[in-house]
Amino acid sequence: MNAELLKGNLDLLLLSIVGRGPAHGYAVIAALRADSNGLFDLPEGTVYPALHRLERNGLLGSAWATEHGRRRRIYELSSAGREALRTQQSAWQTFTAGI
């Protein structure tokens, strides 16, 4: 996978996964890996900073929760995140239709 192509689409990938429902960071990583048949096997050092940036930019909200005895930060789309996801999906569809 071309790193530049991934970098330009990381937000869309993450928003798409979190858009399915609230998830903690490792679940996001696992979903990306599973849904892409291993193509998007991204390291924590890529995903967590991007999740934090999306949260700082108001596209994600988060809260601490305890699951299976572990405390985890659960991310979910904000209203702005839902709108950004729709906009980015539309742009992606337009782009791929042009190819």
C-alpha atoms as a PDB file:
ATOM      1  CA  MET A   1       0.000   0.000   0.000  1.00  0.00           C
ATOM      2  CA  ASN A   2       1.346   3.395  -0.997  1.00  0.00           C
ATOM      3  CA  ALA A   3       1.958   5.379   2.204  1.00  0.00           C
ATOM      4  CA  GLU A   4       1.000   8.686   0.578  1.00  0.00           C
ATOM      5  CA  LEU A   5      -2.323   7.259  -0.626  1.00  0.00           C
ATOM      6  CA  LEU A   6      -3.034   5.950   2.861  1.00  0.00           C
ATOM      7  CA  LYS A   7      -2.077   9.239   4.521  1.00  0.00           C
ATOM      8  CA  GLY A   8      -4.504  11.132   2.320  1.00  0.00           C
ATOM      9  CA  ASN A   9      -7.367   8.795   3.212  1.00  0.00           C
ATOM     10  CA  LEU A  10      -6.696   7.837   6.832  1.00  0.00           C
ATOM     11  CA  ASP A  11      -9.366  10.155   8.222  1.00  0.00           C
ATOM     12  CA  LEU A  12     -11.990   8.674   5.903  1.00  0.00           C
ATOM     13  CA  LEU A  13     -11.009   5.149   6.921  1.00  0.00           C
ATOM     14  CA  LEU A  14     -11.189   5.944  10.635  1.00  0.00           C
ATOM     15  CA  LEU A  15     -14.423   7.934  10.404  1.00  0.00           C
ATOM     16  CA  SER A  16     -15.971   5.093   8.406  1.00  0.00           C
ATOM     17  CA  ILE A  17     -15.154   2.522  11.069  1.00  0.00           C
ATOM     18  CA  VAL A  18     -16.258   4.696  13.995  1.00  0.00           C
ATOM     19  CA  GLY A  19     -19.342   5.664  11.974  1.00  0.00           C
ATOM     20  CA  ARG A  20     -20.616   2.102  12.374  1.00  0.00           C
ATOM     21  CA  GLY A  21     -20.822   2.597  16.120  1.00  0.00           C
ATOM     22  CA  PRO A  22     -18.715   3.536  19.133  1.00  0.00           C
ATOM     23  CA  ALA A  23     -15.399   1.700  19.339  1.00  0.00           C
ATOM     24  CA  HIS A  24     -12.114   1.763  21.212  1.00  0.00           C
ATOM     25  CA  GLY A  25      -8.853   2.227  19.352  1.00  0.00           C
ATOM     26  CA  TYR A  26      -7.841  -1.409  19.166  1.00  0.00           C
ATOM     27  CA  ALA A  27     -11.298  -2.346  17.813  1.00  0.00           C
ATOM     28  CA  VAL A  28     -10.833   0.294  15.105  1.00  0.00           C
ATOM     29  CA  ILE A  29      -7.452  -1.211  14.193  1.00  0.00           C
ATOM     30  CA  ALA A  30      -8.901  -4.735  14.133  1.00  0.00           C
ATOM     31  CA  ALA A  31     -11.883  -3.676  11.991  1.00  0.00           C
ATOM     32  CA  LEU A  32      -9.625  -1.953   9.463  1.00  0.00           C
ATOM     33  CA  ARG A  33      -7.468  -5.060   9.230  1.00  0.00           C
ATOM     34  CA  ALA A  34     -10.411  -7.476   8.971  1.00  0.00           C
ATOM     35  CA  ASP A  35     -12.481  -5.428   6.528  1.00  0.00           C
ATOM     36  CA  SER A  36      -9.536  -4.952   4.170  1.00  0.00           C
ATOM     37  CA  ASN A  37      -8.311  -8.564   4.350  1.00  0.00           C
ATOM     38  CA  GLY A  38      -5.101  -7.313   5.946  1.00  0.00           C
ATOM     39  CA  LEU A  39      -4.395  -4.498   3.502  1.00  0.00           C
ATOM     40  CA  PHE A  40      -4.887  -1.877   6.220  1.00  0.00           C
ATOM     41  CA  ASP A  41      -2.867  -3.466   9.034  1.00  0.00           C
ATOM     42  CA  LEU A  42      -2.018  -0.165  10.661  1.00  0.00           C
ATOM     43  CA  PRO A  43       0.179   0.207  13.729  1.00  0.00           C
ATOM     44  CA  GLU A  44      -1.100   1.798  16.918  1.00  0.00           C
ATOM     45  CA  GLY A  45       1.412   4.607  16.368  1.00  0.00           C
ATOM     46  CA  THR A  46      -0.517   5.615  13.264  1.00  0.00           C
ATOM     47  CA  VAL A  47      -4.095   5.087  14.434  1.00  0.00           C
ATOM     48  CA  TYR A  48      -4.093   6.515  17.963  1.00  0.00           C
ATOM     49  CA  PRO A  49      -2.543   9.886  17.048  1.00  0.00           C
ATOM     50  CA  ALA A  50      -5.041  10.165  14.176  1.00  0.00           C
ATOM     51  CA  LEU A  51      -7.963   9.385  16.517  1.00  0.00           C
ATOM     52  CA  HIS A  52      -6.697  12.025  18.963  1.00  0.00           C
ATOM     53  CA  ARG A  53      -6.362  14.566  16.134  1.00  0.00           C
ATOM     54  CA  LEU A  54      -9.891  13.831  14.892  1.00  0.00           C
ATOM     55  CA  GLU A  55     -11.132  14.318  18.450  1.00  0.00           C
ATOM     56  CA  ARG A  56      -9.256  17.626  18.841  1.00  0.00           C
ATOM     57  CA  ASN A  57     -10.799  18.757  15.553  1.00  0.00           C
ATOM     58  CA  GLY A  58     -14.288  18.000  16.854  1.00  0.00           C
ATOM     59  CA  LEU A  59     -15.013  15.087  14.516  1.00  0.00           C
ATOM     60  CA  LEU A  60     -14.959  12.480  17.273  1.00  0.00           C
ATOM     61  CA  GLY A  61     -16.034  12.461  20.873  1.00  0.00           C
ATOM     62  CA  SER A  62     -14.740  10.010  23.441  1.00  0.00           C
ATOM     63  CA  ALA A  63     -15.373   8.767  26.938  1.00  0.00           C
ATOM     64  CA  TRP A  64     -13.706   6.277  29.241  1.00  0.00           C
ATOM     65  CA  ALA A  65     -15.483   2.965  29.719  1.00  0.00           C
ATOM     66  CA  THR A  66     -14.635  -0.341  31.324  1.00  0.00           C
ATOM     67  CA  GLU A  67     -14.950  -3.386  29.085  1.00  0.00           C
ATOM     68  CA  HIS A  68     -13.958  -6.872  30.193  1.00  0.00           C
ATOM     69  CA  GLY A  69     -12.200  -5.403  33.212  1.00  0.00           C
ATOM     70  CA  ARG A  70     -10.131  -3.000  31.098  1.00  0.00           C
ATOM     71  CA  ARG A  71     -10.509   0.728  30.998  1.00  0.00           C
ATOM     72  CA  ARG A  72     -10.662   1.969  27.405  1.00  0.00           C
ATOM     73  CA  ARG A  73     -11.396   5.198  25.624  1.00  0.00           C
ATOM     74  CA  ILE A  74     -14.437   4.727  23.396  1.00  0.00           C
ATOM     75  CA  TYR A  75     -14.699   6.960  20.323  1.00  0.00           C
ATOM     76  CA  GLU A  76     -17.859   7.971  18.505  1.00  0.00           C
ATOM     77  CA  LEU A  77     -18.704  10.365  15.701  1.00  0.00           C
ATOM     78  CA  SER A  78     -19.798  13.862  16.626  1.00  0.00           C
ATOM     79  CA  SER A  79     -22.336  15.732  14.489  1.00  0.00           C
ATOM     80  CA  ALA A  80     -19.439  17.377  12.680  1.00  0.00           C
ATOM     81  CA  GLY A  81     -17.854  13.952  12.235  1.00  0.00           C
ATOM     82  CA  ARG A  82     -21.004  12.554  10.624  1.00  0.00           C
ATOM     83  CA  GLU A  83     -21.056  15.483   8.212  1.00  0.00           C
ATOM     84  CA  ALA A  84     -17.324  15.110   7.475  1.00  0.00           C
ATOM     85  CA  LEU A  85     -17.831  11.402   6.804  1.00  0.00           C
ATOM     86  CA  ARG A  86     -20.667  12.109   4.350  1.00  0.00           C
ATOM     87  CA  THR A  87     -18.605  14.787   2.611  1.00  0.00           C
ATOM     88  CA  GLN A  88     -15.490  12.621   2.366  1.00  0.00           C
ATOM     89  CA  GLN A  89     -17.459   9.591   1.154  1.00  0.00           C
ATOM     90  CA  SER A  90     -19.083  11.706  -1.546  1.00  0.00           C
ATOM     91  CA  ALA A  91     -15.714  13.101  -2.620  1.00  0.00           C
ATOM     92  CA  TRP A  92     -14.256   9.586  -2.702  1.00  0.00           C
ATOM     93  CA  GLN A  93     -17.146   8.300  -4.848  1.00  0.00           C
ATOM     94  CA  THR A  94     -16.680  11.198  -7.251  1.00  0.00           C
ATOM     95  CA  PHE A  95     -12.938  10.554  -7.410  1.00  0.00           C
ATOM     96  CA  THR A  96     -13.278   6.819  -8.029  1.00  0.00           C
ATOM     97  CA  ALA A  97     -15.984   7.387 -10.654  1.00  0.00           C
ATOM     98  CA  GLY A  98     -13.516   9.606 -12.479  1.00  0.00           C
ATOM     99  CA  ILE A  99     -10.931   6.858 -12.545  1.00  0.00           C
END
